[in-house]
Amino acid sequence: AAKANADAAPATLAWKAAIDFKRIKENPDAVQANADKRAAPCDVAKVCETYDRYQALNRECDEIREKRNANAKSMKGKMEPDV
């Protein structure tokens, strides 16, 4: 029975941490002070920078996806005969 557990896939987490990045960006000093008070090592400024970069990349992906979808839509239908 012990061997069966060893061969099983690793357990996945049942929950995800919900982080309010907007709140962190609005109050970076208060969040950093709270982390320092709890002796939780973190760099709130780096978190804000990384979140900004994530949002920029997400917008870029949306624009590329929109262009791809427009291109795919333009290719649907009957083809024009080559003249």
PDB file of N, CA and C in Angstrom:
ATOM      1  N   ALA A   1       0.822  -1.191   0.000  1.00  0.00           N
ATOM      2  CA  ALA A   1       0.000   0.000   0.000  1.00  0.00           C
ATOM      3  C   ALA A   1       0.865   1.254   0.000  1.00  0.00           C
ATOM      4  N   ALA A   2       2.007   1.207   0.681  1.00  0.00           N
ATOM      5  CA  ALA A   2       2.891   2.371   0.742  1.00  0.00           C
ATOM      6  C   ALA A   2       3.469   2.671  -0.631  1.00  0.00           C
ATOM      7  N   LYS A   3       3.759   1.605  -1.400  1.00  0.00           N
ATOM      8  CA  LYS A   3       4.314   1.807  -2.737  1.00  0.00           C
ATOM      9  C   LYS A   3       3.299   2.475  -3.652  1.00  0.00           C
ATOM     10  N   ALA A   4       2.028   2.155  -3.499  1.00  0.00           N
ATOM     11  CA  ALA A   4       0.993   2.760  -4.329  1.00  0.00           C
ATOM     12  C   ALA A   4       0.959   4.271  -4.121  1.00  0.00           C
ATOM     13  N   ASN A   5       1.129   4.726  -2.871  1.00  0.00           N
ATOM     14  CA  ASN A   5       1.147   6.160  -2.603  1.00  0.00           C
ATOM     15  C   ASN A   5       2.372   6.822  -3.209  1.00  0.00           C
ATOM     16  N   ALA A   6       3.497   6.129  -3.236  1.00  0.00           N
ATOM     17  CA  ALA A   6       4.726   6.684  -3.790  1.00  0.00           C
ATOM     18  C   ALA A   6       4.597   6.882  -5.301  1.00  0.00           C
ATOM     19  N   ASP A   7       3.828   6.024  -5.968  1.00  0.00           N
ATOM     20  CA  ASP A   7       3.665   6.119  -7.409  1.00  0.00           C
ATOM     21  C   ASP A   7       2.592   7.136  -7.813  1.00  0.00           C
ATOM     22  N   ALA A   8       1.773   7.547  -6.878  1.00  0.00           N
ATOM     23  CA  ALA A   8       0.686   8.472  -7.188  1.00  0.00           C
ATOM     24  C   ALA A   8       1.252   9.852  -7.538  1.00  0.00           C
ATOM     25  N   ALA A   9       0.487  10.615  -8.293  1.00  0.00           N
ATOM     26  CA  ALA A   9       0.891  11.973  -8.664  1.00  0.00           C
ATOM     27  C   ALA A   9       0.934  12.839  -7.411  1.00  0.00           C
ATOM     28  N   PRO A  10       1.805  13.826  -7.393  1.00  0.00           N
ATOM     29  CA  PRO A  10       1.880  14.688  -6.211  1.00  0.00           C
ATOM     30  C   PRO A  10       0.573  15.447  -6.012  1.00  0.00           C
ATOM     31  N   ALA A  11       0.232  15.660  -4.759  1.00  0.00           N
ATOM     32  CA  ALA A  11      -1.013  16.361  -4.430  1.00  0.00           C
ATOM     33  C   ALA A  11      -0.928  17.813  -4.878  1.00  0.00           C
ATOM     34  N   THR A  12      -2.033  18.339  -5.337  1.00  0.00           N
ATOM     35  CA  THR A  12      -2.075  19.748  -5.721  1.00  0.00           C
ATOM     36  C   THR A  12      -2.713  20.538  -4.589  1.00  0.00           C
ATOM     37  N   LEU A  13      -2.398  21.806  -4.553  1.00  0.00           N
ATOM     38  CA  LEU A  13      -2.975  22.655  -3.518  1.00  0.00           C
ATOM     39  C   LEU A  13      -4.467  22.822  -3.762  1.00  0.00           C
ATOM     40  N   ALA A  14      -5.223  22.835  -2.686  1.00  0.00           N
ATOM     41  CA  ALA A  14      -6.668  22.972  -2.795  1.00  0.00           C
ATOM     42  C   ALA A  14      -7.077  24.436  -2.832  1.00  0.00           C
ATOM     43  N   TRP A  15      -6.154  25.359  -2.551  1.00  0.00           N
ATOM     44  CA  TRP A  15      -6.498  26.775  -2.541  1.00  0.00           C
ATOM     45  C   TRP A  15      -5.363  27.572  -3.154  1.00  0.00           C
ATOM     46  N   LYS A  16      -5.704  28.759  -3.597  1.00  0.00           N
ATOM     47  CA  LYS A  16      -4.710  29.688  -4.111  1.00  0.00           C
ATOM     48  C   LYS A  16      -4.764  30.954  -3.271  1.00  0.00           C
ATOM     49  N   ALA A  17      -3.625  31.532  -3.034  1.00  0.00           N
ATOM     50  CA  ALA A  17      -3.605  32.787  -2.286  1.00  0.00           C
ATOM     51  C   ALA A  17      -4.193  33.886  -3.167  1.00  0.00           C
ATOM     52  N   ALA A  18      -5.104  34.645  -2.614  1.00  0.00           N
ATOM     53  CA  ALA A  18      -5.690  35.766  -3.337  1.00  0.00           C
ATOM     54  C   ALA A  18      -4.938  37.025  -2.927  1.00  0.00           C
ATOM     55  N   ILE A  19      -4.215  37.603  -3.863  1.00  0.00           N
ATOM     56  CA  ILE A  19      -3.431  38.799  -3.580  1.00  0.00           C
ATOM     57  C   ILE A  19      -4.060  39.965  -4.320  1.00  0.00           C
ATOM     58  N   ASP A  20      -4.353  41.022  -3.600  1.00  0.00           N
ATOM     59  CA  ASP A  20      -4.954  42.211  -4.186  1.00  0.00           C
ATOM     60  C   ASP A  20      -3.827  43.151  -4.621  1.00  0.00           C
ATOM     61  N   PHE A  21      -3.361  42.968  -5.853  1.00  0.00           N
ATOM     62  CA  PHE A  21      -2.236  43.756  -6.348  1.00  0.00           C
ATOM     63  C   PHE A  21      -2.588  45.235  -6.459  1.00  0.00           C
ATOM     64  N   LYS A  22      -3.831  45.538  -6.762  1.00  0.00           N
ATOM     65  CA  LYS A  22      -4.234  46.949  -6.846  1.00  0.00           C
ATOM     66  C   LYS A  22      -4.063  47.618  -5.489  1.00  0.00           C
ATOM     67  N   ARG A  23      -4.444  46.925  -4.430  1.00  0.00           N
ATOM     68  CA  ARG A  23      -4.296  47.476  -3.084  1.00  0.00           C
ATOM     69  C   ARG A  23      -2.824  47.657  -2.733  1.00  0.00           C
ATOM     70  N   ILE A  24      -2.000  46.713  -3.139  1.00  0.00           N
ATOM     71  CA  ILE A  24      -0.561  46.818  -2.882  1.00  0.00           C
ATOM     72  C   ILE A  24       0.001  48.041  -3.599  1.00  0.00           C
ATOM     73  N   LYS A  25      -0.430  48.253  -4.853  1.00  0.00           N
ATOM     74  CA  LYS A  25       0.058  49.405  -5.612  1.00  0.00           C
ATOM     75  C   LYS A  25      -0.434  50.724  -5.028  1.00  0.00           C
ATOM     76  N   GLU A  26      -1.644  50.717  -4.461  1.00  0.00           N
ATOM     77  CA  GLU A  26      -2.196  51.947  -3.893  1.00  0.00           C
ATOM     78  C   GLU A  26      -1.516  52.315  -2.580  1.00  0.00           C
ATOM     79  N   ASN A  27      -1.064  51.319  -1.813  1.00  0.00           N
ATOM     80  CA  ASN A  27      -0.483  51.549  -0.486  1.00  0.00           C
ATOM     81  C   ASN A  27       0.836  50.799  -0.308  1.00  0.00           C
ATOM     82  N   PRO A  28       1.825  51.034  -1.156  1.00  0.00           N
ATOM     83  CA  PRO A  28       3.056  50.233  -1.047  1.00  0.00           C
ATOM     84  C   PRO A  28       3.788  50.435   0.281  1.00  0.00           C
ATOM     85  N   ASP A  29       3.777  51.664   0.811  1.00  0.00           N
ATOM     86  CA  ASP A  29       4.491  51.904   2.071  1.00  0.00           C
ATOM     87  C   ASP A  29       3.840  51.163   3.230  1.00  0.00           C
ATOM     88  N   ALA A  30       2.500  51.195   3.275  1.00  0.00           N
ATOM     89  CA  ALA A  30       1.790  50.501   4.350  1.00  0.00           C
ATOM     90  C   ALA A  30       1.985  48.991   4.244  1.00  0.00           C
ATOM     91  N   VAL A  31       1.966  48.459   3.027  1.00  0.00           N
ATOM     92  CA  VAL A  31       2.152  47.015   2.835  1.00  0.00           C
ATOM     93  C   VAL A  31       3.567  46.616   3.237  1.00  0.00           C
ATOM     94  N   GLN A  32       4.566  47.428   2.852  1.00  0.00           N
ATOM     95  CA  GLN A  32       5.952  47.119   3.217  1.00  0.00           C
ATOM     96  C   GLN A  32       6.124  47.191   4.734  1.00  0.00           C
ATOM     97  N   ALA A  33       5.516  48.191   5.375  1.00  0.00           N
ATOM     98  CA  ALA A  33       5.603  48.316   6.836  1.00  0.00           C
ATOM     99  C   ALA A  33       4.966  47.103   7.510  1.00  0.00           C
ATOM    100  N   ASN A  34       3.834  46.655   6.985  1.00  0.00           N
ATOM    101  CA  ASN A  34       3.163  45.474   7.537  1.00  0.00           C
ATOM    102  C   ASN A  34       4.048  44.240   7.385  1.00  0.00           C
ATOM    103  N   ALA A  35       4.668  44.072   6.224  1.00  0.00           N
ATOM    104  CA  ALA A  35       5.551  42.917   5.999  1.00  0.00           C
ATOM    105  C   ALA A  35       6.759  42.978   6.931  1.00  0.00           C
ATOM    106  N   ASP A  36       7.313  44.181   7.103  1.00  0.00           N
ATOM    107  CA  ASP A  36       8.463  44.320   7.999  1.00  0.00           C
ATOM    108  C   ASP A  36       8.075  43.996   9.435  1.00  0.00           C
ATOM    109  N   LYS A  37       6.884  44.452   9.847  1.00  0.00           N
ATOM    110  CA  LYS A  37       6.411  44.200  11.207  1.00  0.00           C
ATOM    111  C   LYS A  37       6.245  42.699  11.457  1.00  0.00           C
ATOM    112  N   ARG A  38       5.852  41.964  10.429  1.00  0.00           N
ATOM    113  CA  ARG A  38       5.645  40.521  10.554  1.00  0.00           C
ATOM    114  C   ARG A  38       6.925  39.733  10.277  1.00  0.00           C
ATOM    115  N   ALA A  39       8.004  40.434  10.007  1.00  0.00           N
ATOM    116  CA  ALA A  39       9.290  39.810   9.668  1.00  0.00           C
ATOM    117  C   ALA A  39       9.148  38.905   8.451  1.00  0.00           C
ATOM    118  N   ALA A  40       8.340  39.366   7.491  1.00  0.00           N
ATOM    119  CA  ALA A  40       8.146  38.626   6.240  1.00  0.00           C
ATOM    120  C   ALA A  40       9.004  39.307   5.172  1.00  0.00           C
ATOM    121  N   PRO A  41      10.062  38.647   4.740  1.00  0.00           N
ATOM    122  CA  PRO A  41      10.946  39.291   3.771  1.00  0.00           C
ATOM    123  C   PRO A  41      10.262  39.437   2.413  1.00  0.00           C
ATOM    124  N   CYS A  42      10.083  40.681   1.990  1.00  0.00           N
ATOM    125  CA  CYS A  42       9.521  40.921   0.657  1.00  0.00           C
ATOM    126  C   CYS A  42       9.918  42.314   0.201  1.00  0.00           C
ATOM    127  N   ASP A  43       9.928  42.496  -1.101  1.00  0.00           N
ATOM    128  CA  ASP A  43      10.256  43.777  -1.710  1.00  0.00           C
ATOM    129  C   ASP A  43       9.003  44.248  -2.440  1.00  0.00           C
ATOM    130  N   VAL A  44       8.227  45.087  -1.786  1.00  0.00           N
ATOM    131  CA  VAL A  44       6.949  45.528  -2.334  1.00  0.00           C
ATOM    132  C   VAL A  44       7.163  46.301  -3.631  1.00  0.00           C
ATOM    133  N   ALA A  45       8.228  47.080  -3.713  1.00  0.00           N
ATOM    134  CA  ALA A  45       8.512  47.832  -4.940  1.00  0.00           C
ATOM    135  C   ALA A  45       8.711  46.874  -6.115  1.00  0.00           C
ATOM    136  N   LYS A  46       9.416  45.773  -5.873  1.00  0.00           N
ATOM    137  CA  LYS A  46       9.640  44.783  -6.944  1.00  0.00           C
ATOM    138  C   LYS A  46       8.330  44.090  -7.319  1.00  0.00           C
ATOM    139  N   VAL A  47       7.474  43.842  -6.331  1.00  0.00           N
ATOM    140  CA  VAL A  47       6.165  43.251  -6.608  1.00  0.00           C
ATOM    141  C   VAL A  47       5.367  44.191  -7.521  1.00  0.00           C
ATOM    142  N   CYS A  48       5.382  45.484  -7.214  1.00  0.00           N
ATOM    143  CA  CYS A  48       4.656  46.463  -8.030  1.00  0.00           C
ATOM    144  C   CYS A  48       5.220  46.526  -9.452  1.00  0.00           C
ATOM    145  N   GLU A  49       6.568  46.541  -9.576  1.00  0.00           N
ATOM    146  CA  GLU A  49       7.203  46.546 -10.894  1.00  0.00           C
ATOM    147  C   GLU A  49       6.816  45.313 -11.693  1.00  0.00           C
ATOM    148  N   THR A  50       6.869  44.157 -11.059  1.00  0.00           N
ATOM    149  CA  THR A  50       6.552  42.899 -11.731  1.00  0.00           C
ATOM    150  C   THR A  50       5.091  42.864 -12.157  1.00  0.00           C
ATOM    151  N   TYR A  51       4.205  43.376 -11.313  1.00  0.00           N
ATOM    152  CA  TYR A  51       2.778  43.412 -11.653  1.00  0.00           C
ATOM    153  C   TYR A  51       2.539  44.353 -12.829  1.00  0.00           C
ATOM    154  N   ASP A  52       3.220  45.501 -12.857  1.00  0.00           N
ATOM    155  CA  ASP A  52       3.087  46.430 -13.982  1.00  0.00           C
ATOM    156  C   ASP A  52       3.542  45.761 -15.277  1.00  0.00           C
ATOM    157  N   ARG A  53       4.649  45.046 -15.212  1.00  0.00           N
ATOM    158  CA  ARG A  53       5.171  44.341 -16.395  1.00  0.00           C
ATOM    159  C   ARG A  53       4.189  43.258 -16.842  1.00  0.00           C
ATOM    160  N   TYR A  54       3.627  42.541 -15.881  1.00  0.00           N
ATOM    161  CA  TYR A  54       2.623  41.512 -16.188  1.00  0.00           C
ATOM    162  C   TYR A  54       1.428  42.131 -16.913  1.00  0.00           C
ATOM    163  N   GLN A  55       0.948  43.267 -16.410  1.00  0.00           N
ATOM    164  CA  GLN A  55      -0.201  43.914 -17.043  1.00  0.00           C
ATOM    165  C   GLN A  55       0.137  44.373 -18.456  1.00  0.00           C
ATOM    166  N   ALA A  56       1.343  44.914 -18.666  1.00  0.00           N
ATOM    167  CA  ALA A  56       1.760  45.357 -19.992  1.00  0.00           C
ATOM    168  C   ALA A  56       1.818  44.179 -20.959  1.00  0.00           C
ATOM    169  N   LEU A  57       2.384  43.066 -20.503  1.00  0.00           N
ATOM    170  CA  LEU A  57       2.459  41.877 -21.361  1.00  0.00           C
ATOM    171  C   LEU A  57       1.073  41.315 -21.647  1.00  0.00           C
ATOM    172  N   ASN A  58       0.192  41.373 -20.664  1.00  0.00           N
ATOM    173  CA  ASN A  58      -1.172  40.892 -20.848  1.00  0.00           C
ATOM    174  C   ASN A  58      -1.894  41.726 -21.914  1.00  0.00           C
ATOM    175  N   ARG A  59      -1.714  43.052 -21.853  1.00  0.00           N
ATOM    176  CA  ARG A  59      -2.321  43.929 -22.868  1.00  0.00           C
ATOM    177  C   ARG A  59      -1.749  43.624 -24.253  1.00  0.00           C
ATOM    178  N   GLU A  60      -0.437  43.408 -24.316  1.00  0.00           N
ATOM    179  CA  GLU A  60       0.206  43.082 -25.586  1.00  0.00           C
ATOM    180  C   GLU A  60      -0.348  41.775 -26.150  1.00  0.00           C
ATOM    181  N   CYS A  61      -0.528  40.782 -25.297  1.00  0.00           N
ATOM    182  CA  CYS A  61      -1.101  39.499 -25.731  1.00  0.00           C
ATOM    183  C   CYS A  61      -2.521  39.695 -26.249  1.00  0.00           C
ATOM    184  N   ASP A  62      -3.303  40.522 -25.561  1.00  0.00           N
ATOM    185  CA  ASP A  62      -4.674  40.787 -26.009  1.00  0.00           C
ATOM    186  C   ASP A  62      -4.686  41.439 -27.383  1.00  0.00           C
ATOM    187  N   GLU A  63      -3.764  42.387 -27.615  1.00  0.00           N
ATOM    188  CA  GLU A  63      -3.695  43.047 -28.924  1.00  0.00           C
ATOM    189  C   GLU A  63      -3.314  42.060 -30.022  1.00  0.00           C
ATOM    190  N   ILE A  64      -2.345  41.206 -29.733  1.00  0.00           N
ATOM    191  CA  ILE A  64      -1.914  40.209 -30.719  1.00  0.00           C
ATOM    192  C   ILE A  64      -3.055  39.231 -30.998  1.00  0.00           C
ATOM    193  N   ARG A  65      -3.750  38.806 -29.949  1.00  0.00           N
ATOM    194  CA  ARG A  65      -4.874  37.883 -30.104  1.00  0.00           C
ATOM    195  C   ARG A  65      -5.982  38.524 -30.940  1.00  0.00           C
ATOM    196  N   GLU A  66      -6.226  39.810 -30.704  1.00  0.00           N
ATOM    197  CA  GLU A  66      -7.249  40.528 -31.467  1.00  0.00           C
ATOM    198  C   GLU A  66      -6.882  40.582 -32.950  1.00  0.00           C
ATOM    199  N   LYS A  67      -5.613  40.847 -33.257  1.00  0.00           N
ATOM    200  CA  LYS A  67      -5.156  40.863 -34.656  1.00  0.00           C
ATOM    201  C   LYS A  67      -5.282  39.472 -35.277  1.00  0.00           C
ATOM    202  N   ARG A  68      -4.913  38.439 -34.512  1.00  0.00           N
ATOM    203  CA  ARG A  68      -5.011  37.071 -35.010  1.00  0.00           C
ATOM    204  C   ARG A  68      -6.456  36.714 -35.334  1.00  0.00           C
ATOM    205  N   ASN A  69      -7.359  37.076 -34.429  1.00  0.00           N
ATOM    206  CA  ASN A  69      -8.770  36.771 -34.651  1.00  0.00           C
ATOM    207  C   ASN A  69      -9.327  37.531 -35.850  1.00  0.00           C
ATOM    208  N   ALA A  70      -8.911  38.779 -36.015  1.00  0.00           N
ATOM    209  CA  ALA A  70      -9.363  39.562 -37.170  1.00  0.00           C
ATOM    210  C   ALA A  70      -8.848  38.939 -38.460  1.00  0.00           C
ATOM    211  N   ASN A  71      -7.605  38.472 -38.436  1.00  0.00           N
ATOM    212  CA  ASN A  71      -7.027  37.820 -39.607  1.00  0.00           C
ATOM    213  C   ASN A  71      -7.769  36.519 -39.914  1.00  0.00           C
ATOM    214  N   ALA A  72      -8.043  35.736 -38.897  1.00  0.00           N
ATOM    215  CA  ALA A  72      -8.760  34.473 -39.103  1.00  0.00           C
ATOM    216  C   ALA A  72     -10.156  34.725 -39.638  1.00  0.00           C
ATOM    217  N   LYS A  73     -10.808  35.762 -39.140  1.00  0.00           N
ATOM    218  CA  LYS A  73     -12.157  36.086 -39.596  1.00  0.00           C
ATOM    219  C   LYS A  73     -12.140  36.522 -41.055  1.00  0.00           C
ATOM    220  N   SER A  74     -11.108  37.257 -41.445  1.00  0.00           N
ATOM    221  CA  SER A  74     -11.026  37.713 -42.832  1.00  0.00           C
ATOM    222  C   SER A  74     -10.765  36.557 -43.796  1.00  0.00           C
ATOM    223  N   MET A  75     -10.247  35.449 -43.300  1.00  0.00           N
ATOM    224  CA  MET A  75      -9.936  34.308 -44.157  1.00  0.00           C
ATOM    225  C   MET A  75     -11.120  33.356 -44.303  1.00  0.00           C
ATOM    226  N   LYS A  76     -12.178  33.574 -43.531  1.00  0.00           N
ATOM    227  CA  LYS A  76     -13.346  32.702 -43.629  1.00  0.00           C
ATOM    228  C   LYS A  76     -14.158  33.061 -44.868  1.00  0.00           C
ATOM    229  N   GLY A  77     -14.954  32.137 -45.295  1.00  0.00           N
ATOM    230  CA  GLY A  77     -15.815  32.402 -46.451  1.00  0.00           C
ATOM    231  C   GLY A  77     -15.191  31.869 -47.730  1.00  0.00           C
ATOM    232  N   LYS A  78     -15.838  32.212 -48.831  1.00  0.00           N
ATOM    233  CA  LYS A  78     -15.344  31.734 -50.128  1.00  0.00           C
ATOM    234  C   LYS A  78     -14.145  32.541 -50.554  1.00  0.00           C
ATOM    235  N   MET A  79     -13.239  31.823 -51.172  1.00  0.00           N
ATOM    236  CA  MET A  79     -12.043  32.501 -51.693  1.00  0.00           C
ATOM    237  C   MET A  79     -12.392  33.162 -53.021  1.00  0.00           C
ATOM    238  N   GLU A  80     -11.724  34.277 -53.258  1.00  0.00           N
ATOM    239  CA  GLU A  80     -11.924  34.946 -54.538  1.00  0.00           C
ATOM    240  C   GLU A  80     -11.132  34.185 -55.597  1.00  0.00           C
ATOM    241  N   PRO A  81     -11.715  34.065 -56.772  1.00  0.00           N
ATOM    242  CA  PRO A  81     -10.987  33.328 -57.833  1.00  0.00           C
ATOM    243  C   PRO A  81      -9.757  34.112 -58.283  1.00  0.00           C
ATOM    244  N   ASP A  82      -8.681  33.378 -58.525  1.00  0.00           N
ATOM    245  CA  ASP A  82      -7.476  34.039 -59.041  1.00  0.00           C
ATOM    246  C   ASP A  82      -7.715  34.449 -60.486  1.00  0.00           C
ATOM    247  N   VAL A  83      -7.438  35.669 -60.772  1.00  0.00           N
ATOM    248  CA  VAL A  83      -7.667  36.188 -62.123  1.00  0.00           C
ATOM    249  C   VAL A  83      -6.374  36.475 -62.803  1.00  0.00           C
TER     250      VAL A  83
END
